[in-house]
Amino acid sequence: MSSQPPLLDLVIDALEEMKAKNITSLDVRAVTSVADDMVIASGTSSRHVKALADSVMEKAKKSGYKPLGT
């Protein structure tokens, strides 16, 4: 079992499933009150990056999270 929050695990899993490159998560709690974590990933093309974002949004919605935007 991971020590990461469930939403962070969900996001990273969705990105890995879609073959995102250079997935990095940052703890930003000390920097902002807007978010606890930030996830940065790369894709191989603009189409791939859009598919990554769509996949994360879809999995989040299916898990009961309400994304505020992309």
Protein backbone atom coordinates (compact mmCIF):
# COMPACT_ATOMS: atom_id res chain seq x y z
CA MET A 1 0.00 0.00 0.00
CA SER A 2 1.27 3.45 -0.93
CA SER A 3 1.76 6.28 1.55
CA GLN A 4 0.54 8.76 -1.07
CA PRO A 5 -3.01 10.15 -1.01
CA PRO A 6 -5.51 8.15 -3.11
CA LEU A 7 -6.02 10.94 -5.67
CA LEU A 8 -2.28 11.29 -6.24
CA ASP A 9 -2.03 7.51 -6.78
CA LEU A 10 -4.95 7.67 -9.22
CA VAL A 11 -3.34 10.46 -11.25
CA ILE A 12 0.04 8.74 -11.42
CA ASP A 13 -1.56 5.40 -12.35
CA ALA A 14 -3.57 7.05 -15.14
CA LEU A 15 -0.44 8.72 -16.52
CA GLU A 16 1.61 5.51 -16.35
CA GLU A 17 -1.17 3.59 -18.08
CA MET A 18 -1.08 6.08 -20.97
CA LYS A 19 2.75 5.88 -21.18
CA ALA A 20 3.49 9.42 -19.95
CA LYS A 21 7.16 10.35 -19.78
CA ASN A 22 9.07 11.86 -16.83
CA ILE A 23 6.23 11.68 -14.29
CA THR A 24 7.13 13.77 -11.25
CA SER A 25 5.03 14.66 -8.21
CA LEU A 26 5.82 17.63 -6.02
CA ASP A 27 4.54 18.36 -2.52
CA VAL A 28 3.49 22.03 -2.72
CA ARG A 29 1.75 22.39 0.66
CA ALA A 30 4.46 24.74 1.93
CA VAL A 31 4.17 26.93 -1.17
CA THR A 32 0.42 27.30 -1.76
CA SER A 33 -2.91 26.66 -0.10
CA VAL A 34 -4.54 25.85 -3.45
CA ALA A 35 -3.14 22.30 -3.73
CA ASP A 36 -1.24 19.69 -1.75
CA ASP A 37 0.53 18.08 -4.71
CA MET A 38 1.43 18.95 -8.28
CA VAL A 39 2.06 16.30 -10.92
CA ILE A 40 4.14 17.07 -13.99
CA ALA A 41 4.47 14.71 -16.95
CA SER A 42 5.57 14.83 -20.56
CA GLY A 43 4.09 13.33 -23.68
CA THR A 44 5.49 12.53 -27.09
CA SER A 45 3.21 14.93 -29.01
CA SER A 46 0.43 17.44 -28.42
CA ARG A 47 -2.09 14.70 -29.18
CA HIS A 48 -0.47 12.41 -26.59
CA VAL A 49 -0.51 15.17 -23.94
CA LYS A 50 -4.23 15.79 -24.59
CA ALA A 51 -4.90 12.05 -24.24
CA LEU A 52 -2.98 12.04 -20.94
CA ALA A 53 -5.07 14.91 -19.55
CA ASP A 54 -8.31 13.31 -20.77
CA SER A 55 -7.39 9.99 -19.16
CA VAL A 56 -6.64 11.61 -15.80
CA MET A 57 -9.93 13.56 -15.90
CA GLU A 58 -11.95 10.46 -16.85
CA LYS A 59 -10.43 8.29 -14.10
CA ALA A 60 -10.90 11.03 -11.52
CA LYS A 61 -14.58 11.44 -12.43
CA LYS A 62 -15.15 7.66 -12.33
CA SER A 63 -13.61 7.58 -8.85
CA GLY A 64 -15.94 10.28 -7.56
CA TYR A 65 -13.60 13.28 -7.71
CA LYS A 66 -14.85 16.47 -9.33
CA PRO A 67 -12.04 18.05 -11.35
CA LEU A 68 -12.17 21.83 -11.32
CA GLY A 69 -10.53 22.16 -14.74
CA THR A 70 -7.52 21.32 -16.84
